[in-house]
Amino acid sequence: MKKIANIVLNDFTNDSRVLKISKSLAKFGYDPTVVAMHNSELSESEAIQGINTERIRLITRPWPKLKPIQFLKYIEFLLRSTWRFRNADIVHCNDLNALPVGLLIKLFGRGRKVVYDCHEYETEVVGLKGIEKKGKKWLERKLIPYADAVVAVSDSIANEYSRLYDITKPYIVLNCPAYHEQPKRNLFREYLGIRSDQTIFLYQGGLSQGRGIELLLEAFSDLELDKNVLVCMGYGPLEGLIREYASHCNTVFFHPAVSSDVLLSYTSSADYGILFYEDTCLNHRYCSPNKIFEYLMAGLPVLTSNLFEMKRMVEAEDVGVVADVNTIEGFKRAIASSLGKSYSVTLNNIITKRKIYCWEEQEKVLKEIYDAL
């Protein structure tokens, strides 16, 4: 049984893609181990849903979060994880920071393989700039030819990687949830006191800038009628702002993040799902976020901003509405357009499409990748 080191540079407490990949690989007959970073609140070794997890303890982990020290932490993780898992047959590298670990392990013996799994457009994310951006572009360009397989999370990003690095077009493994026929629930109305005659528009996910949250708050606080309400569910730096709006606006509600095992029950309690990422970077423009597939699995039509990959998917599959422009007025028009469409027709499309946009379909591509290796 071939041993797989599934490398991720977080503490592996909430990384659904890494867990799904590991469970699929175990089903295919491999022996996967998730290799993550340790912190004092977690075990160094444990089984998570049947998947062996090993967290690397770092001497430097408690040190301050200054750039030079962060680099020292990375070097320590690189060396410790490489030595500890030097006998792995295949290394699955979940993002650019993990790729050097895989390639160092590959040097330990002939026949070892490396999969580079790009969870986003690695060098074009929000906030990456200057010398750090140039350094990451240089590193990716130098290392990617040595990967035995490259995986992307959208067709546009796969095309960009092929063009930029003159490589075979990467495999595409969308970040979809496992198929689940989620019954309709009513948790938001029960817990937040939302009336039965009000339509619930849900934003779920990270509460940070660049995701259109400020625009959504302005749009809903400015609506003339209270028949349409916004629920923001998640955690992040904008939680305080959302709570502030919710305290004085009867069309805005906040709900804390919930665990993945009950997420779709909450998601299904809304009427529409919102993804209004801003066009602030190429990673946003070309993304196919996991949230869009969670909305579909929960039976929700979606409203998205006018970004290339999301627009193409929503319009091609007829599962929602794309705003004409990414502004407050553009979003309000998208709301009106959504409410004007036949909900039952859209829902029938969603029920059909979620059988396609599910992990069971994506793992077929994963098996193809590993069979080729």
Protein backbone atom coordinates (compact mmCIF):
# COMPACT_ATOMS: atom_id res chain seq x y z
CA MET A 1 0.00 0.00 0.00
CA LYS A 2 1.55 3.26 -1.12
CA LYS A 3 2.09 5.87 1.58
CA ILE A 4 0.92 9.42 0.89
CA ALA A 5 1.97 12.50 2.84
CA ASN A 6 -0.77 15.10 2.45
CA ILE A 7 1.03 18.34 3.40
CA VAL A 8 -0.81 21.43 4.62
CA LEU A 9 0.64 24.46 6.40
CA ASN A 10 -2.14 24.95 8.93
CA ASP A 11 -3.15 23.05 12.06
CA PHE A 12 -5.77 21.01 10.15
CA THR A 13 -8.83 21.82 12.21
CA ASN A 14 -11.08 23.15 9.45
CA ASP A 15 -9.71 22.18 6.04
CA SER A 16 -12.48 20.27 4.30
CA ARG A 17 -10.66 19.87 0.96
CA VAL A 18 -7.62 18.20 2.55
CA LEU A 19 -9.90 15.87 4.53
CA LYS A 20 -12.00 14.98 1.46
CA ILE A 21 -8.89 14.23 -0.58
CA SER A 22 -7.45 12.04 2.19
CA LYS A 23 -10.67 10.08 2.63
CA SER A 24 -10.93 9.52 -1.13
CA LEU A 25 -7.31 8.33 -1.32
CA ALA A 26 -7.95 5.88 1.53
CA LYS A 27 -10.98 4.60 -0.39
CA PHE A 28 -8.79 4.10 -3.47
CA GLY A 29 -6.45 1.84 -1.45
CA TYR A 30 -3.69 4.29 -0.47
CA ASP A 31 -2.38 5.03 3.02
CA PRO A 32 -2.69 8.82 3.48
CA THR A 33 -1.36 10.83 6.41
CA VAL A 34 -2.19 14.51 6.80
CA VAL A 35 0.94 16.43 7.78
CA ALA A 36 0.08 19.72 9.47
CA MET A 37 1.44 22.25 11.97
CA HIS A 38 1.12 21.69 15.70
CA ASN A 39 -0.18 24.13 18.27
CA SER A 40 -0.42 23.70 22.01
CA GLU A 41 -4.18 23.07 22.02
CA LEU A 42 -4.06 20.08 19.67
CA SER A 43 -2.67 16.55 19.70
CA GLU A 44 0.46 15.82 17.75
CA SER A 45 -1.05 12.56 16.48
CA GLU A 46 -4.72 11.69 16.06
CA ALA A 47 -7.20 10.08 13.69
CA ILE A 48 -9.72 12.52 12.19
CA GLN A 49 -12.67 10.72 10.59
CA GLY A 50 -10.41 7.71 10.14
CA ILE A 51 -7.52 9.69 8.63
CA ASN A 52 -4.15 9.60 10.39
CA THR A 53 -3.01 13.14 11.22
CA GLU A 54 0.51 14.10 12.30
CA ARG A 55 1.21 17.66 13.44
CA ILE A 56 4.79 18.87 13.37
CA ARG A 57 5.88 20.48 16.64
CA LEU A 58 8.08 23.54 16.04
CA ILE A 59 10.49 25.07 18.53
CA THR A 60 9.93 28.41 16.80
CA ARG A 61 6.09 28.28 16.88
CA PRO A 62 5.68 30.47 20.02
CA TRP A 63 8.06 33.12 18.67
CA PRO A 64 6.66 36.51 17.50
CA LYS A 65 4.84 36.78 14.16
CA LEU A 66 7.42 39.02 12.51
CA LYS A 67 8.27 38.38 8.86
CA PRO A 68 11.87 37.14 9.42
CA ILE A 69 10.73 34.88 12.28
CA GLN A 70 7.80 33.56 10.22
CA PHE A 71 10.37 32.56 7.60
CA LEU A 72 12.38 30.72 10.27
CA LYS A 73 9.21 28.86 11.31
CA TYR A 74 8.64 27.85 7.71
CA ILE A 75 12.23 26.57 7.33
CA GLU A 76 11.89 24.52 10.52
CA PHE A 77 8.62 22.99 9.28
CA LEU A 78 10.20 22.31 5.89
CA LEU A 79 13.14 20.45 7.39
CA ARG A 80 11.27 18.53 10.09
CA SER A 81 8.41 17.39 7.84
CA THR A 82 10.78 16.44 5.01
CA TRP A 83 12.91 14.26 7.28
CA ARG A 84 9.97 12.70 9.11
CA PHE A 85 8.10 11.74 5.92
CA ARG A 86 11.08 11.09 3.66
CA ASN A 87 9.79 7.55 2.95
CA ALA A 88 6.44 8.65 1.53
CA ASP A 89 5.73 7.29 -1.96
CA ILE A 90 3.59 10.28 -3.03
CA VAL A 91 3.45 13.79 -1.56
CA HIS A 92 0.27 15.80 -2.04
CA CYS A 93 1.19 19.48 -1.62
CA ASN A 94 -1.72 21.73 -0.70
CA ASP A 95 -0.54 25.15 -1.90
CA LEU A 96 2.75 26.70 -2.95
CA ASN A 97 4.26 26.75 0.57
CA ALA A 98 3.93 22.97 0.75
CA LEU A 99 5.52 22.31 -2.65
CA PRO A 100 9.18 22.58 -1.50
CA VAL A 101 8.46 19.89 1.13
CA GLY A 102 7.25 17.52 -1.57
CA LEU A 103 10.16 18.18 -3.86
CA LEU A 104 12.72 17.69 -1.08
CA ILE A 105 11.11 14.35 -0.21
CA LYS A 106 11.26 13.45 -3.90
CA LEU A 107 15.04 13.88 -3.74
CA PHE A 108 15.33 11.13 -1.12
CA GLY A 109 14.63 8.32 -3.55
CA ARG A 110 13.76 7.37 -7.09
CA GLY A 111 10.14 6.77 -7.98
CA ARG A 112 8.65 9.23 -5.51
CA LYS A 113 5.93 11.45 -6.94
CA VAL A 114 4.64 14.95 -6.14
CA VAL A 115 1.15 16.39 -6.69
CA TYR A 116 0.89 20.18 -6.56
CA ASP A 117 -2.69 21.06 -5.56
CA CYS A 118 -3.28 24.81 -6.03
CA HIS A 119 -6.23 25.70 -3.80
CA GLU A 120 -6.38 29.15 -5.43
CA TYR A 121 -4.44 31.30 -7.89
CA GLU A 122 -1.44 31.12 -5.59
CA THR A 123 0.46 34.22 -6.75
CA GLU A 124 -2.56 36.46 -7.38
CA VAL A 125 -4.37 36.53 -4.02
CA VAL A 126 -5.61 39.65 -2.22
CA GLY A 127 -2.87 41.53 -0.39
CA LEU A 128 0.08 39.78 -2.04
CA LYS A 129 2.36 42.44 -3.50
CA GLY A 130 5.88 43.79 -3.81
CA ILE A 131 8.89 41.60 -3.18
CA GLU A 132 6.78 38.84 -1.59
CA LYS A 133 4.68 38.51 -4.75
CA LYS A 134 7.75 38.54 -6.99
CA GLY A 135 9.39 35.93 -4.77
CA LYS A 136 6.38 33.60 -4.92
CA LYS A 137 6.11 33.96 -8.69
CA TRP A 138 9.80 33.13 -9.04
CA LEU A 139 9.51 30.15 -6.69
CA GLU A 140 6.46 28.72 -8.44
CA ARG A 141 8.02 29.14 -11.88
CA LYS A 142 11.18 27.33 -10.75
CA LEU A 143 9.48 24.46 -8.92
CA ILE A 144 6.32 23.64 -10.87
CA PRO A 145 8.11 21.76 -13.70
CA TYR A 146 9.25 19.17 -11.14
CA ALA A 147 5.73 18.33 -9.97
CA ASP A 148 4.39 15.10 -11.46
CA ALA A 149 0.81 16.41 -11.53
CA VAL A 150 -0.71 19.86 -11.06
CA VAL A 151 -4.27 20.44 -9.85
CA ALA A 152 -6.33 23.65 -10.07
CA VAL A 153 -9.72 24.62 -8.65
CA SER A 154 -11.17 26.29 -11.75
CA ASP A 155 -10.85 26.09 -15.52
CA SER A 156 -9.61 29.67 -15.78
CA ILE A 157 -6.83 29.14 -13.24
CA ALA A 158 -5.81 25.90 -14.97
CA ASN A 159 -5.56 27.77 -18.29
CA GLU A 160 -3.47 30.52 -16.67
CA TYR A 161 -1.02 28.03 -15.17
CA SER A 162 -0.65 26.28 -18.50
CA ARG A 163 -0.02 29.60 -20.27
CA LEU A 164 2.34 31.07 -17.68
CA TYR A 165 4.53 28.03 -17.08
CA ASP A 166 4.24 26.24 -20.42
CA ILE A 167 2.97 23.05 -18.78
CA THR A 168 0.23 20.59 -19.65
CA LYS A 169 -3.10 22.03 -18.55
CA PRO A 170 -3.59 21.10 -14.88
CA TYR A 171 -6.32 18.76 -13.76
CA ILE A 172 -9.41 20.51 -12.38
CA VAL A 173 -10.79 19.32 -9.03
CA LEU A 174 -13.56 21.64 -7.87
CA ASN A 175 -14.00 22.15 -4.15
CA CYS A 176 -17.49 20.64 -3.95
CA PRO A 177 -19.16 19.07 -0.91
CA ALA A 178 -20.15 15.43 -0.81
CA TYR A 179 -23.56 14.74 -2.35
CA HIS A 180 -26.33 15.15 0.18
CA GLU A 181 -30.06 15.51 -0.31
CA GLN A 182 -30.49 18.21 2.29
CA PRO A 183 -34.07 18.74 3.46
CA LYS A 184 -35.30 22.30 3.86
CA ARG A 185 -34.85 23.63 7.40
CA ASN A 186 -35.97 26.83 9.12
CA LEU A 187 -33.23 27.46 11.67
CA PHE A 188 -32.66 31.15 10.92
CA ARG A 189 -36.33 32.02 11.37
CA GLU A 190 -36.39 30.04 14.63
CA TYR A 191 -33.17 31.43 16.13
CA LEU A 192 -33.15 34.98 14.73
CA GLY A 193 -36.87 35.76 14.76
CA ILE A 194 -37.17 36.29 11.01
CA ARG A 195 -40.78 36.40 9.83
CA SER A 196 -42.25 33.80 7.49
CA ASP A 197 -43.09 36.47 4.92
CA GLN A 198 -39.47 37.69 4.71
CA THR A 199 -37.08 36.32 2.06
CA ILE A 200 -33.69 35.35 3.49
CA PHE A 201 -30.53 36.11 1.50
CA LEU A 202 -27.54 34.33 3.08
CA TYR A 203 -23.85 35.18 2.99
CA GLN A 204 -21.78 32.44 4.63
CA GLY A 205 -18.02 32.22 4.89
CA GLY A 206 -15.12 34.39 5.95
CA LEU A 207 -16.12 37.84 7.17
CA SER A 208 -13.24 39.77 5.65
CA GLN A 209 -12.69 42.54 3.16
CA GLY A 210 -12.76 41.86 -0.56
CA ARG A 211 -15.90 39.72 -0.38
CA GLY A 212 -18.42 42.50 -0.88
CA ILE A 213 -19.74 42.37 2.68
CA GLU A 214 -19.70 46.14 3.18
CA LEU A 215 -21.64 46.54 -0.07
CA LEU A 216 -24.21 43.95 1.01
CA LEU A 217 -24.73 45.69 4.35
CA GLU A 218 -25.28 49.02 2.63
CA ALA A 219 -27.67 47.49 0.11
CA PHE A 220 -29.88 45.79 2.71
CA SER A 221 -29.87 48.68 5.17
CA ASP A 222 -31.07 50.94 2.35
CA LEU A 223 -33.96 48.75 1.17
CA GLU A 224 -37.30 50.52 1.34
CA LEU A 225 -39.23 47.43 2.44
CA ASP A 226 -38.26 44.83 5.03
CA LYS A 227 -39.49 41.84 3.01
CA ASN A 228 -35.91 40.92 2.07
CA VAL A 229 -33.32 40.33 4.79
CA LEU A 230 -29.60 39.54 4.90
CA VAL A 231 -28.08 36.91 7.19
CA CYS A 232 -24.29 36.89 7.50
CA MET A 233 -22.94 33.66 9.00
CA GLY A 234 -19.25 33.14 9.67
CA TYR A 235 -16.31 34.67 11.49
CA GLY A 236 -13.61 37.20 10.71
CA PRO A 237 -12.53 40.82 11.14
CA LEU A 238 -15.82 42.27 9.84
CA GLU A 239 -17.97 40.55 12.47
CA GLY A 240 -18.09 43.73 14.58
CA LEU A 241 -19.32 45.80 11.63
CA ILE A 242 -22.05 43.26 10.86
CA ARG A 243 -23.18 43.18 14.47
CA GLU A 244 -23.33 46.98 14.45
CA TYR A 245 -25.59 47.00 11.38
CA ALA A 246 -27.72 44.23 12.87
CA SER A 247 -28.23 46.23 16.09
CA HIS A 248 -29.99 49.13 14.35
CA CYS A 249 -31.26 47.65 11.06
CA ASN A 250 -34.15 45.19 10.98
CA THR A 251 -33.08 43.74 7.63
CA VAL A 252 -29.58 42.62 8.70
CA PHE A 253 -28.86 39.62 10.96
CA PHE A 254 -25.67 37.99 12.21
CA HIS A 255 -25.18 34.30 13.04
CA PRO A 256 -21.87 32.84 14.27
CA ALA A 257 -20.08 30.21 12.21
CA VAL A 258 -21.27 26.61 12.68
CA SER A 259 -19.43 23.31 12.38
CA SER A 260 -19.22 21.57 9.03
CA ASP A 261 -21.42 18.66 10.11
CA VAL A 262 -24.46 20.96 10.53
CA LEU A 263 -23.56 23.63 7.98
CA LEU A 264 -25.96 22.57 5.22
CA SER A 265 -28.86 22.44 7.68
CA TYR A 266 -28.29 26.12 8.34
CA THR A 267 -27.63 26.93 4.69
CA SER A 268 -30.90 25.31 3.64
CA SER A 269 -32.72 27.60 6.08
CA ALA A 270 -32.18 30.54 3.69
CA ASP A 271 -33.92 31.24 0.38
CA TYR A 272 -30.95 32.53 -1.67
CA GLY A 273 -27.17 32.31 -1.31
CA ILE A 274 -24.88 35.28 -1.99
CA LEU A 275 -21.29 35.36 -3.30
CA PHE A 276 -20.32 38.95 -4.04
CA TYR A 277 -16.53 38.81 -4.23
CA GLU A 278 -14.92 42.05 -5.38
CA ASP A 279 -12.74 42.21 -8.48
CA THR A 280 -9.64 43.04 -6.45
CA CYS A 281 -7.33 40.31 -7.75
CA LEU A 282 -7.11 37.62 -10.41
CA ASN A 283 -7.73 34.97 -7.76
CA HIS A 284 -11.22 36.44 -7.20
CA ARG A 285 -11.88 36.95 -10.89
CA TYR A 286 -11.12 33.32 -11.72
CA CYS A 287 -12.36 31.61 -8.54
CA SER A 288 -14.99 28.88 -8.20
CA PRO A 289 -15.56 29.16 -4.43
CA ASN A 290 -16.67 26.16 -2.40
CA LYS A 291 -19.53 28.30 -1.05
CA ILE A 292 -21.28 28.34 -4.40
CA PHE A 293 -21.40 24.53 -4.39
CA GLU A 294 -22.55 24.47 -0.77
CA TYR A 295 -25.45 26.74 -1.71
CA LEU A 296 -26.43 24.43 -4.55
CA MET A 297 -26.16 21.32 -2.35
CA ALA A 298 -28.48 23.03 0.15
CA GLY A 299 -30.97 23.85 -2.61
CA LEU A 300 -30.40 27.62 -2.84
CA PRO A 301 -30.37 29.76 -6.00
CA VAL A 302 -27.29 31.98 -5.97
CA LEU A 303 -26.59 35.66 -6.54
CA THR A 304 -23.03 36.42 -7.60
CA SER A 305 -20.94 39.39 -8.55
CA ASN A 306 -19.94 39.82 -12.17
CA LEU A 307 -16.69 37.86 -12.09
CA PHE A 308 -15.63 35.65 -14.96
CA GLU A 309 -15.69 32.10 -13.59
CA MET A 310 -18.73 32.48 -11.32
CA LYS A 311 -20.69 34.28 -14.06
CA ARG A 312 -19.94 31.53 -16.57
CA MET A 313 -20.98 28.75 -14.22
CA VAL A 314 -24.19 30.37 -12.89
CA GLU A 315 -25.44 31.41 -16.31
CA ALA A 316 -24.49 28.17 -18.08
CA GLU A 317 -26.23 26.03 -15.46
CA ASP A 318 -29.11 28.49 -14.87
CA VAL A 319 -28.85 28.24 -11.08
CA GLY A 320 -29.15 31.90 -10.14
CA VAL A 321 -28.50 35.49 -11.16
CA VAL A 322 -25.31 37.43 -11.88
CA ALA A 323 -25.24 41.17 -11.10
CA ASP A 324 -24.75 43.37 -14.16
CA VAL A 325 -22.22 45.53 -12.24
CA ASN A 326 -20.52 45.02 -8.89
CA THR A 327 -22.12 47.95 -7.09
CA ILE A 328 -24.88 48.50 -4.55
CA GLU A 329 -27.34 49.35 -7.32
CA GLY A 330 -26.16 46.38 -9.37
CA PHE A 331 -26.78 44.08 -6.42
CA LYS A 332 -30.24 45.54 -5.82
CA ARG A 333 -31.11 44.86 -9.44
CA ALA A 334 -29.84 41.30 -9.02
CA ILE A 335 -32.18 40.86 -6.04
CA ALA A 336 -35.12 42.11 -8.10
CA SER A 337 -34.15 39.83 -10.99
CA SER A 338 -33.89 36.82 -8.65
CA LEU A 339 -37.29 37.49 -7.15
CA GLY A 340 -38.74 37.84 -10.65
CA LYS A 341 -37.55 34.39 -11.77
CA SER A 342 -39.53 31.22 -11.20
CA TYR A 343 -38.14 29.80 -7.96
CA SER A 344 -39.43 26.29 -8.74
CA VAL A 345 -37.78 26.20 -12.18
CA THR A 346 -34.43 27.34 -10.75
CA LEU A 347 -34.73 24.84 -7.91
CA ASN A 348 -35.32 21.99 -10.37
CA ASN A 349 -32.12 22.98 -12.19
CA ILE A 350 -30.25 23.02 -8.89
CA ILE A 351 -31.49 19.56 -7.92
CA THR A 352 -30.14 18.25 -11.23
CA LYS A 353 -26.84 20.13 -11.16
CA ARG A 354 -25.88 19.28 -7.60
CA LYS A 355 -25.51 15.67 -8.73
CA ILE A 356 -22.75 16.96 -11.01
CA TYR A 357 -21.16 19.51 -8.66
CA CYS A 358 -20.45 17.11 -5.81
CA TRP A 359 -17.30 15.53 -4.41
CA GLU A 360 -18.25 12.09 -5.72
CA GLU A 361 -17.74 13.46 -9.24
CA GLN A 362 -14.57 15.38 -8.36
CA GLU A 363 -12.89 12.36 -6.76
CA LYS A 364 -13.14 10.60 -10.13
CA VAL A 365 -10.61 13.15 -11.40
CA LEU A 366 -8.48 12.58 -8.29
CA LYS A 367 -8.45 8.84 -9.00
CA GLU A 368 -7.46 9.54 -12.60
CA ILE A 369 -4.51 11.62 -11.34
CA TYR A 370 -3.27 8.94 -8.96
CA ASP A 371 -3.82 6.12 -11.44
CA ALA A 372 -1.60 8.02 -13.88
CA LEU A 373 1.10 8.38 -11.25
